[in-house]
Amino acid sequence: MRSSLKTILLFILLSFAVSCSSTQCKRKDKVPAMPNDTNVDQNLQINKNGSKPKTVFVFKSDGSLQCGMGQSIPPKEMAKELGDIKVYSFSNKHDGMMHIQVCGSSTGQINVFEISESDLKKAMSKGFKPWRS
C-alpha cells in the first residue's frame, strides 16, 4: 500500500515537472498588452481630423488544432468576418495559456485585430472577444 502511494506521488510530481518545462508556463508576460509583428494598414491609421482613433484589440481562435487536425485561418482571411469594421492592425499570436496536449484540442493560436473602440460590441456580436492586457 505504501509503495503504491509513493509511486502515485512520484508520478504526480514528475507530471508537474514535465508540464511546466515549456516556455509558456515559465513566461512572466502571459498575454502582451499589444501584439508584436502586426500588419498595419498605414492608410487606416489616421482619422479625417488627423488623429488616431481610440482603438481596442479583439481576438478569435484561428481554428488550428493539435496534430494538424484543424485548418488554421490566416488573420487576413478572418478579418473578412468583421465585415464593415475597420481593422487597423492584425497578427497571429499564442494566447499565452497552457493547453492540454491531446490531438484534436486547440493549439492556443489566435488572430488578434486592432479595431475602433466604438466597434467593440459589433465585433463581439460576431464571435470576437476583447483582448485584455
Protein backbone atom coordinates (compact mmCIF):
# COMPACT_ATOMS: atom_id res chain seq x y z
CA MET A 1 0.00 0.00 0.00
CA ARG A 2 2.78 2.43 0.94
CA SER A 3 4.72 1.55 -2.18
CA SER A 4 1.76 2.33 -4.45
CA LEU A 5 1.14 5.65 -2.66
CA LYS A 6 4.79 6.62 -3.13
CA THR A 7 4.56 5.65 -6.79
CA ILE A 8 1.45 7.77 -7.30
CA LEU A 9 3.02 10.79 -5.58
CA LEU A 10 6.20 10.41 -7.64
CA PHE A 11 4.12 10.23 -10.82
CA ILE A 12 2.23 13.41 -9.89
CA LEU A 13 5.45 15.30 -9.14
CA LEU A 14 7.06 14.17 -12.38
CA SER A 15 3.95 15.10 -14.34
CA PHE A 16 4.02 18.60 -12.88
CA ALA A 17 7.73 19.00 -13.62
CA VAL A 18 7.26 17.94 -17.24
CA SER A 19 4.17 20.09 -17.78
CA CYS A 20 5.96 23.25 -16.60
CA SER A 21 9.10 22.65 -18.62
CA SER A 22 7.60 24.53 -21.58
CA THR A 23 8.37 28.21 -22.07
CA GLN A 24 4.68 29.15 -21.87
CA CYS A 25 4.48 28.05 -18.25
CA LYS A 26 7.62 29.99 -17.30
CA ARG A 27 6.74 33.22 -19.09
CA LYS A 28 6.18 36.25 -16.87
CA ASP A 29 4.26 38.18 -19.55
CA LYS A 30 1.49 35.69 -20.26
CA VAL A 31 -0.51 37.99 -22.52
CA PRO A 32 1.19 41.05 -24.03
CA ALA A 33 -0.72 44.32 -23.93
CA MET A 34 -0.28 44.83 -27.67
CA PRO A 35 0.61 42.20 -30.26
CA ASN A 36 4.01 42.42 -31.92
CA ASP A 37 4.74 41.80 -35.59
CA THR A 38 1.43 43.35 -36.57
CA ASN A 39 0.42 44.03 -40.12
CA VAL A 40 -0.69 47.63 -40.21
CA ASP A 41 -2.60 49.41 -42.93
CA GLN A 42 -0.98 52.86 -42.78
CA ASN A 43 -3.90 54.42 -44.68
CA LEU A 44 -6.32 53.50 -41.88
CA GLN A 45 -4.18 54.84 -39.02
CA ILE A 46 -5.40 58.44 -39.22
CA ASN A 47 -8.91 59.90 -38.80
CA LYS A 48 -10.16 62.68 -41.03
CA ASN A 49 -9.20 65.23 -38.37
CA GLY A 50 -5.61 63.95 -38.35
CA SER A 51 -5.69 61.97 -35.09
CA LYS A 52 -5.62 58.26 -34.47
CA PRO A 53 -8.97 56.92 -33.17
CA LYS A 54 -9.14 55.20 -29.77
CA THR A 55 -8.65 51.53 -30.52
CA VAL A 56 -9.02 48.19 -28.76
CA PHE A 57 -7.85 44.68 -29.58
CA VAL A 58 -10.17 41.73 -30.17
CA PHE A 59 -9.29 38.11 -30.87
CA LYS A 60 -10.67 34.82 -32.08
CA SER A 61 -9.14 31.34 -32.30
CA ASP A 62 -7.53 30.70 -35.66
CA GLY A 63 -9.08 27.23 -35.74
CA SER A 64 -5.82 25.26 -35.66
CA LEU A 65 -5.87 22.01 -33.71
CA GLN A 66 -3.03 19.86 -32.41
CA CYS A 67 -1.59 17.10 -34.60
CA GLY A 68 -2.57 19.07 -37.71
CA MET A 69 -6.24 18.18 -37.32
CA GLY A 70 -7.63 21.71 -37.74
CA GLN A 71 -7.33 24.20 -40.56
CA SER A 72 -5.69 27.46 -39.49
CA ILE A 73 -7.40 30.62 -40.78
CA PRO A 74 -4.91 33.40 -41.58
CA PRO A 75 -5.67 36.78 -39.93
CA LYS A 76 -6.13 38.50 -43.29
CA GLU A 77 -8.83 35.96 -44.21
CA MET A 78 -10.51 36.11 -40.78
CA ALA A 79 -10.63 39.92 -40.98
CA LYS A 80 -13.42 39.46 -43.55
CA GLU A 81 -15.63 38.13 -40.72
CA LEU A 82 -15.51 41.62 -39.19
CA GLY A 83 -17.40 42.92 -42.22
CA ASP A 84 -17.50 46.72 -42.37
CA ILE A 85 -15.43 47.15 -39.18
CA LYS A 86 -12.13 48.89 -39.97
CA VAL A 87 -9.09 46.83 -38.98
CA TYR A 88 -6.04 48.95 -38.09
CA SER A 89 -3.65 46.05 -37.50
CA PHE A 90 -3.71 42.28 -37.13
CA SER A 91 -1.46 39.42 -36.10
CA ASN A 92 -1.47 35.73 -35.21
CA LYS A 93 -0.33 35.03 -31.64
CA HIS A 94 -0.39 32.35 -28.98
CA ASP A 95 -2.96 33.10 -26.29
CA GLY A 96 -0.35 32.67 -23.54
CA MET A 97 -2.30 29.92 -21.82
CA MET A 98 -1.33 26.30 -21.23
CA HIS A 99 -3.29 23.80 -23.31
CA ILE A 100 -3.79 20.09 -22.84
CA GLN A 101 -1.54 18.05 -25.13
CA VAL A 102 -4.12 15.95 -26.97
CA CYS A 103 -4.58 15.52 -30.70
CA GLY A 104 -7.63 17.47 -31.80
CA SER A 105 -7.51 20.05 -28.98
CA SER A 106 -6.76 23.74 -29.54
CA THR A 107 -3.21 24.89 -30.22
CA GLY A 108 -3.91 28.20 -28.50
CA GLN A 109 -3.14 30.20 -31.64
CA ILE A 110 -5.39 33.24 -32.03
CA ASN A 111 -5.85 36.05 -34.53
CA VAL A 112 -5.70 39.50 -32.89
CA PHE A 113 -7.23 42.58 -34.53
CA GLU A 114 -6.98 46.26 -33.63
CA ILE A 115 -10.31 47.99 -34.20
CA SER A 116 -12.02 51.22 -33.18
CA GLU A 117 -13.37 51.14 -29.63
CA SER A 118 -16.78 52.14 -30.97
CA ASP A 119 -16.93 48.88 -32.96
CA LEU A 120 -16.20 46.60 -29.98
CA LYS A 121 -19.81 45.50 -29.37
CA LYS A 122 -20.31 44.82 -33.08
CA ALA A 123 -17.16 42.66 -33.16
CA MET A 124 -18.26 40.78 -30.04
CA SER A 125 -21.60 40.01 -31.68
CA LYS A 126 -19.59 38.33 -34.46
CA GLY A 127 -17.84 35.99 -32.01
CA PHE A 128 -14.71 38.01 -31.22
CA LYS A 129 -13.57 38.60 -27.64
CA PRO A 130 -11.78 41.60 -26.11
CA TRP A 131 -8.01 41.18 -25.81
CA ARG A 132 -7.20 42.11 -22.21
CA SER A 133 -3.71 43.03 -21.11
